Amino acid sequence: MIPDHAKIKALAKKYFDEVRVVRQELHRNPELSFQEFKTSAYIQQKLQRAGIEFTSGHVKTGIIALIRGKNPGGRTVLLRADMDALPIFEKNDVSYKSVNEGVMHACGHDVHSACALGAAYILNELKNEWEGTVKIMFQPGEEVLPGGASLMIADGVLENPKVEKAIALHVFPGMPAGKVGFKSGMYMASTDELYITVQGKGGHAAMPADYVNPLIIASEILLEINKSFSDKQSIKELGGENIPTVVAFGKIEGKGATNVIPDKVEIAGTFRTMDEIWREKVHSELKKIVNNYSDKYRLKSEIRIEKGYPFLVNDAAVTSISREAAEVYLGTKNVEELPLRMTAEDFAFITQKVPSCFFRLGTSGNNGEYSSGVHTATFDIEESALETGMGLMAWLAINNLHK
């Protein structure tokens, strides 16, 4: 037997005001990746006051809380929350606006941590009504490589007790508060950072015989890469048929002038996909393209590929259990199917290790308020989403412990 979802809803309502204060406090005091010392201390204080067992100092700022139900040696389910903020100047005019200039919770990690803390309160209060153990991970550094989740895994977060399933949520300003979304199977892309350096020979622009312009060569390389990965037919010819693929460049820097040809050009971009064999094939193809231009112009061109997060896959069984539980908790009309996304998420490291479910929490207002996208200076949420998030996290944890 498990507690009725109405009881969990009542507790979510009971803790809503406190969790809203927590979210606003975290939003007001954001910290960048792997610098979440005050954030960690604040969450630890809240856990301690609630009498919830935890350890801290994981990857410096990470926290692992344990809530043991009846028969705690049974299954263990992990709930994950991230704590880091982004280097963005907040433009919202709210009482909880960031006091750390140039740093902002623009991706909702304040919401994630507040919801996980609220779920901890609920689970702790009901611990005599469910079986197993819930482990809650408050992790650092989701926003930057190598990803705090990967480091927490290396630190042993999935062991002692051994995690059998994992669940995480993420804010979704494209969905009204009160709704959630699920996607079984492949959901989010792997992500790699691409850095190309083209070495030419600088000189005076009026003397073309004396220089080799790296800007022109860099442009040719970009056009060749774009030709190879810009449409389904070209991708199919390379062996990547029906595999979602994005290769895009957002930075090119030559540091020349109107009449100054620079010695080198530096280019930066990203590669996203959802297949590991294809991922390695594209890495090889990118290196081949760059090397071919080195040979063509008899100069040094290099590509450095920083391998990032793997693709995120939602386990079919865990997602099915979670979606059905969400429909009971919120009603079928408030649970939606999500499309594939080419964005990336370091919870993917966990999905590669244990059966997992990563779902979206609607955070916009019914009148179109709070619909600014994540990673923007005006991102904010309809705070009633906190009640939905904390209650549903607790309810999903219990259902996955018992099914």
Protein backbone atom coordinates (compact mmCIF):
# COMPACT_ATOMS: atom_id res chain seq x y z
CA MET A 1 0.00 0.00 0.00
CA ILE A 2 1.12 3.54 -0.70
CA PRO A 3 -0.31 6.83 0.57
CA ASP A 4 -3.19 8.27 -1.41
CA HIS A 5 -2.17 11.00 -3.85
CA ALA A 6 -4.67 13.34 -2.14
CA LYS A 7 -2.54 13.18 0.98
CA ILE A 8 0.54 14.17 -1.00
CA LYS A 9 -1.37 17.02 -2.63
CA ALA A 10 -2.40 18.26 0.80
CA LEU A 11 1.21 18.23 1.99
CA ALA A 12 2.37 20.03 -1.16
CA LYS A 13 -0.16 22.73 -0.37
CA LYS A 14 1.00 22.79 3.26
CA TYR A 15 4.65 23.33 2.31
CA PHE A 16 4.02 25.64 -0.64
CA ASP A 17 4.64 28.93 1.16
CA GLU A 18 7.90 27.69 2.65
CA VAL A 19 9.12 26.26 -0.64
CA ARG A 20 8.23 29.49 -2.45
CA VAL A 21 10.41 31.39 0.05
CA VAL A 22 13.21 28.89 -0.59
CA ARG A 23 12.93 29.36 -4.34
CA GLN A 24 12.97 33.14 -4.04
CA GLU A 25 15.96 33.05 -1.70
CA LEU A 26 17.87 30.84 -4.12
CA HIS A 27 16.88 33.07 -7.03
CA ARG A 28 18.00 36.17 -5.15
CA ASN A 29 21.42 34.66 -4.42
CA PRO A 30 22.53 32.75 -7.54
CA GLU A 31 25.98 31.24 -7.88
CA LEU A 32 27.85 30.04 -10.94
CA SER A 33 28.73 26.43 -11.70
CA PHE A 34 30.92 24.72 -9.11
CA GLN A 35 30.77 27.85 -6.93
CA GLU A 36 27.45 27.03 -5.20
CA PHE A 37 28.82 27.25 -1.64
CA LYS A 38 26.15 29.53 -0.13
CA THR A 39 23.41 27.72 -2.03
CA SER A 40 24.62 24.40 -0.66
CA ALA A 41 24.85 25.74 2.88
CA TYR A 42 21.30 27.10 2.66
CA ILE A 43 19.86 23.80 1.44
CA GLN A 44 21.80 21.90 4.11
CA GLN A 45 20.30 24.18 6.75
CA LYS A 46 16.80 23.42 5.51
CA LEU A 47 17.43 19.67 5.48
CA GLN A 48 18.89 19.77 8.97
CA ARG A 49 15.92 21.69 10.36
CA ALA A 50 13.58 19.09 8.84
CA GLY A 51 15.55 16.27 10.44
CA ILE A 52 16.49 14.77 7.07
CA GLU A 53 19.69 12.73 6.90
CA PHE A 54 22.29 14.00 4.43
CA THR A 55 25.97 14.17 3.56
CA SER A 56 27.65 17.17 1.96
CA GLY A 57 30.90 18.16 0.29
CA HIS A 58 30.36 15.92 -2.74
CA VAL A 59 32.28 17.57 -5.61
CA LYS A 60 32.72 20.39 -3.04
CA THR A 61 29.14 21.69 -2.99
CA GLY A 62 26.97 18.66 -3.74
CA ILE A 63 24.52 17.20 -1.21
CA ILE A 64 23.07 13.70 -0.94
CA ALA A 65 19.97 13.38 1.27
CA LEU A 66 18.50 10.05 2.32
CA ILE A 67 14.93 9.40 3.36
CA ARG A 68 14.34 5.86 4.53
CA GLY A 69 10.85 4.44 4.45
CA LYS A 70 9.70 1.11 5.77
CA ASN A 71 12.03 -1.71 4.68
CA PRO A 72 14.74 0.78 3.64
CA GLY A 73 16.83 -2.08 2.27
CA GLY A 74 14.38 -2.44 -0.62
CA ARG A 75 14.51 -0.34 -3.75
CA THR A 76 16.25 3.02 -3.90
CA VAL A 77 15.01 5.81 -6.18
CA LEU A 78 17.08 8.91 -6.88
CA LEU A 79 15.59 12.39 -7.23
CA ARG A 80 17.96 14.91 -8.78
CA ALA A 81 18.13 18.70 -8.59
CA ASP A 82 20.81 21.05 -9.91
CA MET A 83 21.92 24.21 -8.10
CA ASP A 84 24.03 26.38 -10.43
CA ALA A 85 23.07 29.61 -12.18
CA LEU A 86 24.13 31.34 -15.40
CA PRO A 87 26.32 34.39 -16.23
CA ILE A 88 23.35 36.59 -17.21
CA PHE A 89 22.30 40.07 -16.03
CA GLU A 90 18.74 39.76 -14.77
CA LYS A 91 16.20 42.24 -16.13
CA ASN A 92 13.19 41.20 -14.02
CA ASP A 93 11.84 43.84 -11.66
CA VAL A 94 10.88 41.58 -8.75
CA SER A 95 11.56 41.53 -5.03
CA TYR A 96 13.72 38.43 -5.44
CA LYS A 97 15.82 39.79 -8.31
CA SER A 98 19.42 38.58 -8.29
CA VAL A 99 21.70 40.55 -5.97
CA ASN A 100 24.76 39.04 -7.65
CA GLU A 101 25.23 41.29 -10.66
CA GLY A 102 25.78 39.33 -13.84
CA VAL A 103 24.61 36.03 -12.34
CA MET A 104 21.02 34.75 -12.65
CA HIS A 105 18.93 31.64 -12.20
CA ALA A 106 17.81 31.82 -15.81
CA CYS A 107 17.46 28.07 -16.31
CA GLY A 108 15.25 27.29 -13.34
CA HIS A 109 17.72 25.45 -11.16
CA ASP A 110 16.38 27.43 -8.20
CA VAL A 111 13.01 25.87 -9.03
CA HIS A 112 14.48 22.39 -9.35
CA SER A 113 16.21 22.60 -5.96
CA ALA A 114 13.14 24.06 -4.26
CA CYS A 115 10.90 21.32 -5.69
CA ALA A 116 13.32 18.60 -4.61
CA LEU A 117 13.48 20.08 -1.13
CA GLY A 118 9.68 20.22 -0.97
CA ALA A 119 9.51 16.60 -2.13
CA ALA A 120 11.94 15.72 0.66
CA TYR A 121 9.65 17.36 3.23
CA ILE A 122 6.65 15.40 1.92
CA LEU A 123 8.46 12.07 1.73
CA ASN A 124 9.94 12.53 5.18
CA GLU A 125 6.54 13.22 6.71
CA LEU A 126 5.09 10.09 5.06
CA LYS A 127 8.11 7.79 5.51
CA ASN A 128 6.10 5.26 7.52
CA GLU A 129 3.65 4.87 4.62
CA TRP A 130 5.99 3.76 1.82
CA GLU A 131 8.79 1.21 1.42
CA GLY A 132 12.36 1.62 0.27
CA THR A 133 14.73 4.58 0.23
CA VAL A 134 14.68 7.88 -1.64
CA LYS A 135 18.03 9.47 -2.31
CA ILE A 136 17.97 13.15 -3.27
CA MET A 137 20.95 14.64 -5.09
CA PHE A 138 21.53 18.38 -5.11
CA GLN A 139 24.31 18.67 -7.66
CA PRO A 140 26.70 21.41 -8.75
CA GLY A 141 27.69 22.46 -12.23
CA GLU A 142 25.01 21.27 -14.63
CA GLU A 143 25.68 24.14 -17.03
CA VAL A 144 29.36 23.52 -17.84
CA LEU A 145 31.53 20.60 -18.87
CA PRO A 146 32.25 18.01 -17.60
CA GLY A 147 28.85 18.31 -15.88
CA GLY A 148 28.30 17.95 -12.16
CA ALA A 149 26.24 14.79 -12.62
CA SER A 150 29.21 12.93 -14.11
CA LEU A 151 31.38 14.01 -11.18
CA MET A 152 28.71 13.04 -8.64
CA ILE A 153 28.50 9.60 -10.27
CA ALA A 154 32.28 9.24 -9.93
CA ASP A 155 31.88 10.32 -6.30
CA GLY A 156 29.49 7.39 -5.74
CA VAL A 157 26.03 8.96 -5.76
CA LEU A 158 24.55 5.88 -7.42
CA GLU A 159 25.93 3.53 -4.76
CA ASN A 160 25.46 2.88 -1.01
CA PRO A 161 22.55 2.36 -1.30
CA LYS A 162 22.54 1.35 -4.95
CA VAL A 163 20.15 3.43 -7.05
CA GLU A 164 17.73 1.38 -9.17
CA LYS A 165 15.78 4.24 -10.78
CA ALA A 166 16.25 8.00 -11.16
CA ILE A 167 13.86 10.91 -11.73
CA ALA A 168 14.42 14.58 -12.52
CA LEU A 169 12.33 17.52 -13.68
CA HIS A 170 13.10 20.67 -15.65
CA VAL A 171 11.17 23.92 -15.97
CA PHE A 172 9.33 24.43 -19.26
CA PRO A 173 8.13 28.00 -19.98
CA GLY A 174 6.39 26.73 -23.11
CA MET A 175 3.81 24.92 -20.96
CA PRO A 176 1.31 26.37 -18.45
CA ALA A 177 1.82 25.78 -14.75
CA GLY A 178 -0.16 22.77 -13.60
CA LYS A 179 0.83 20.72 -16.63
CA VAL A 180 3.77 18.36 -17.15
CA GLY A 181 5.27 16.56 -20.15
CA PHE A 182 6.87 13.18 -20.73
CA LYS A 183 8.74 11.53 -23.59
CA SER A 184 9.69 7.85 -23.56
CA GLY A 185 12.94 6.75 -25.20
CA MET A 186 15.40 9.15 -26.81
CA TYR A 187 14.62 12.68 -25.67
CA MET A 188 17.63 15.02 -25.64
CA ALA A 189 20.83 15.19 -27.65
CA SER A 190 24.46 14.59 -26.87
CA THR A 191 26.55 17.74 -27.03
CA ASP A 192 30.13 18.35 -28.13
CA GLU A 193 32.02 21.62 -28.40
CA LEU A 194 33.93 22.27 -31.63
CA TYR A 195 36.99 24.53 -31.82
CA ILE A 196 38.69 25.06 -35.19
CA THR A 197 41.90 27.04 -35.67
CA VAL A 198 42.97 28.02 -39.19
CA GLN A 199 46.56 29.19 -39.45
CA GLY A 200 47.30 31.39 -42.45
CA LYS A 201 49.90 34.02 -43.23
CA GLY A 202 49.04 37.59 -42.32
CA GLY A 203 49.95 40.75 -44.15
CA HIS A 204 48.81 44.00 -45.70
CA ALA A 205 45.48 43.59 -47.49
CA ALA A 206 46.79 45.56 -50.47
CA MET A 207 49.50 42.95 -51.14
CA PRO A 208 47.67 39.65 -51.81
CA ALA A 209 50.81 37.95 -53.10
CA ASP A 210 52.35 38.23 -49.65
CA TYR A 211 49.63 36.60 -47.52
CA VAL A 212 47.38 33.57 -47.21
CA ASN A 213 44.07 34.77 -45.86
CA PRO A 214 42.81 32.42 -43.11
CA LEU A 215 39.38 34.08 -43.19
CA ILE A 216 38.76 32.77 -46.70
CA ILE A 217 39.98 29.29 -45.79
CA ALA A 218 37.89 29.31 -42.61
CA SER A 219 34.87 30.29 -44.70
CA GLU A 220 35.49 27.39 -47.07
CA ILE A 221 35.74 24.98 -44.15
CA LEU A 222 32.46 26.25 -42.69
CA LEU A 223 30.71 25.97 -46.04
CA GLU A 224 32.00 22.42 -46.51
CA ILE A 225 30.85 21.38 -43.04
CA ASN A 226 27.48 23.02 -43.62
CA LYS A 227 27.11 21.21 -46.95
CA SER A 228 27.82 17.88 -45.25
CA PHE A 229 25.45 18.29 -42.31
CA SER A 230 22.78 20.80 -43.32
CA ASP A 231 20.14 18.51 -44.85
CA LYS A 232 18.80 14.97 -44.59
CA GLN A 233 20.16 13.89 -47.97
CA SER A 234 23.76 14.87 -47.25
CA ILE A 235 23.58 13.29 -43.80
CA LYS A 236 22.11 10.13 -45.34
CA GLU A 237 25.03 9.94 -47.78
CA LEU A 238 27.41 9.94 -44.82
CA GLY A 239 25.50 7.14 -43.11
CA GLY A 240 23.40 9.10 -40.63
CA GLU A 241 19.95 8.52 -42.10
CA ASN A 242 17.11 9.35 -39.68
CA ILE A 243 19.52 10.36 -36.92
CA PRO A 244 18.80 13.87 -35.58
CA THR A 245 21.93 15.93 -36.22
CA VAL A 246 22.93 19.55 -35.67
CA VAL A 247 26.35 20.98 -36.49
CA ALA A 248 26.36 24.75 -35.99
CA PHE A 249 28.95 27.47 -35.46
CA GLY A 250 28.30 30.63 -33.48
CA LYS A 251 31.70 32.30 -33.30
CA ILE A 252 34.42 33.25 -35.79
CA GLU A 253 37.26 35.53 -34.78
CA GLY A 254 40.08 36.81 -36.98
CA LYS A 255 41.33 39.92 -35.18
CA GLY A 256 42.34 41.65 -38.35
CA ALA A 257 41.22 45.04 -39.70
CA THR A 258 40.05 46.60 -42.97
CA ASN A 259 43.55 46.43 -44.36
CA VAL A 260 45.10 43.84 -42.02
CA ILE A 261 44.98 40.13 -42.84
CA PRO A 262 45.35 38.16 -39.59
CA ASP A 263 47.65 35.19 -39.12
CA LYS A 264 44.90 32.92 -37.85
CA VAL A 265 41.17 32.51 -37.42
CA GLU A 266 39.41 30.75 -34.56
CA ILE A 267 35.95 29.23 -34.91
CA ALA A 268 33.70 27.76 -32.22
CA GLY A 269 30.57 25.67 -32.59
CA THR A 270 28.49 22.77 -31.35
CA PHE A 271 27.55 19.28 -32.50
CA ARG A 272 24.36 17.57 -31.29
CA THR A 273 23.04 14.11 -32.09
CA MET A 274 21.34 11.02 -30.62
CA ASP A 275 23.47 8.05 -31.63
CA GLU A 276 26.90 7.21 -30.22
CA ILE A 277 28.22 5.38 -33.30
CA TRP A 278 27.13 8.27 -35.54
CA ARG A 279 28.61 10.70 -33.03
CA GLU A 280 32.05 9.17 -33.51
CA LYS A 281 31.57 9.05 -37.29
CA VAL A 282 30.84 12.79 -37.38
CA HIS A 283 33.90 13.50 -35.25
CA SER A 284 36.01 11.66 -37.82
CA GLU A 285 34.32 13.45 -40.74
CA LEU A 286 34.89 16.87 -39.18
CA LYS A 287 38.57 16.09 -38.66
CA LYS A 288 38.81 14.88 -42.25
CA ILE A 289 37.33 18.11 -43.63
CA VAL A 290 39.67 20.32 -41.63
CA ASN A 291 42.71 18.18 -42.50
CA ASN A 292 41.83 18.29 -46.19
CA TYR A 293 42.01 22.08 -46.16
CA SER A 294 45.32 21.93 -44.35
CA ASP A 295 46.66 19.78 -47.17
CA LYS A 296 45.04 21.91 -49.89
CA TYR A 297 46.59 25.16 -48.71
CA ARG A 298 49.71 23.63 -47.14
CA LEU A 299 49.05 25.26 -43.81
CA LYS A 300 48.14 24.20 -40.31
CA SER A 301 44.44 23.87 -39.51
CA GLU A 302 43.27 22.03 -36.42
CA ILE A 303 40.00 20.96 -34.87
CA ARG A 304 39.61 20.27 -31.18
CA ILE A 305 36.48 18.40 -30.12
CA GLU A 306 35.52 18.59 -26.47
CA LYS A 307 33.20 15.67 -25.87
CA GLY A 308 30.32 16.73 -23.66
CA TYR A 309 27.15 15.16 -22.32
CA PRO A 310 25.78 11.94 -23.85
CA PHE A 311 22.26 11.72 -25.24
CA LEU A 312 19.44 11.52 -22.70
CA VAL A 313 17.19 8.48 -22.91
CA ASN A 314 14.07 7.98 -20.83
CA ASP A 315 13.59 4.35 -19.83
CA ALA A 316 10.31 3.03 -21.24
CA ALA A 317 9.19 1.27 -18.05
CA VAL A 318 10.12 4.06 -15.63
CA THR A 319 8.56 6.68 -17.91
CA SER A 320 5.37 4.63 -18.26
CA ILE A 321 5.06 4.25 -14.47
CA SER A 322 5.76 7.96 -14.01
CA ARG A 323 3.37 9.14 -16.71
CA GLU A 324 0.52 6.98 -15.42
CA ALA A 325 1.18 8.23 -11.89
CA ALA A 326 1.20 11.83 -13.16
CA GLU A 327 -2.17 11.28 -14.85
CA VAL A 328 -3.60 10.07 -11.56
CA TYR A 329 -2.09 13.01 -9.69
CA LEU A 330 -2.88 15.81 -12.17
CA GLY A 331 -5.52 14.37 -14.49
CA THR A 332 -4.91 13.07 -18.00
CA LYS A 333 -5.54 16.46 -19.64
CA ASN A 334 -2.61 17.96 -17.73
CA VAL A 335 -0.04 15.39 -18.91
CA GLU A 336 1.36 15.97 -22.40
CA GLU A 337 3.63 14.19 -24.86
CA LEU A 338 6.93 15.96 -25.50
CA PRO A 339 8.80 16.18 -28.83
CA LEU A 340 12.49 15.42 -29.26
CA ARG A 341 14.85 18.22 -28.26
CA MET A 342 18.33 18.97 -29.54
CA THR A 343 19.24 20.71 -26.31
CA ALA A 344 21.45 18.84 -23.85
CA GLU A 345 21.32 18.01 -20.15
CA ASP A 346 23.87 16.41 -17.85
CA PHE A 347 21.19 14.21 -16.22
CA ALA A 348 21.92 12.20 -19.37
CA PHE A 349 24.93 10.72 -17.58
CA ILE A 350 22.55 9.21 -15.04
CA THR A 351 20.13 7.94 -17.70
CA GLN A 352 23.06 6.05 -19.22
CA LYS A 353 23.68 4.29 -15.89
CA VAL A 354 20.24 3.51 -14.42
CA PRO A 355 16.65 3.42 -15.76
CA SER A 356 15.45 7.01 -15.54
CA CYS A 357 12.72 9.52 -16.31
CA PHE A 358 13.37 13.19 -17.07
CA PHE A 359 10.15 15.19 -17.38
CA ARG A 360 9.13 18.81 -17.94
CA LEU A 361 7.30 21.02 -15.46
CA GLY A 362 5.06 23.71 -16.93
CA THR A 363 5.93 27.13 -15.50
CA SER A 364 4.13 29.78 -17.58
CA GLY A 365 1.00 31.65 -16.54
CA ASN A 366 -2.37 30.96 -18.12
CA ASN A 367 -2.42 34.45 -19.62
CA GLY A 368 0.93 34.03 -21.34
CA GLU A 369 2.92 35.43 -18.43
CA TYR A 370 6.29 33.96 -17.56
CA SER A 371 6.82 32.64 -21.05
CA SER A 372 10.34 34.03 -21.55
CA GLY A 373 12.65 31.22 -22.53
CA VAL A 374 15.32 29.73 -20.34
CA HIS A 375 18.76 31.34 -20.58
CA THR A 376 17.17 34.77 -21.09
CA ALA A 377 17.41 37.80 -18.80
CA THR A 378 13.63 37.87 -18.24
CA PHE A 379 13.03 34.22 -17.39
CA ASP A 380 10.71 33.72 -14.40
CA ILE A 381 7.96 31.34 -13.38
CA GLU A 382 4.36 31.16 -12.25
CA GLU A 383 5.15 30.01 -8.72
CA SER A 384 2.14 27.72 -8.39
CA ALA A 385 4.31 25.35 -10.45
CA LEU A 386 6.32 24.73 -7.28
CA GLU A 387 3.35 23.03 -5.66
CA THR A 388 2.92 20.82 -8.70
CA GLY A 389 6.64 20.04 -8.94
CA MET A 390 7.30 19.08 -5.33
CA GLY A 391 4.14 17.02 -4.99
CA LEU A 392 4.63 15.18 -8.25
CA MET A 393 8.30 14.42 -7.52
CA ALA A 394 7.29 12.82 -4.22
CA TRP A 395 4.41 10.91 -5.84
CA LEU A 396 6.61 9.63 -8.69
CA ALA A 397 9.31 8.50 -6.26
CA ILE A 398 6.79 6.48 -4.25
CA ASN A 399 5.22 4.92 -7.34
CA ASN A 400 8.59 3.91 -8.73
CA LEU A 401 9.56 2.37 -5.40
CA HIS A 402 6.50 0.15 -5.44
CA LYS A 403 6.24 -0.85 -9.13
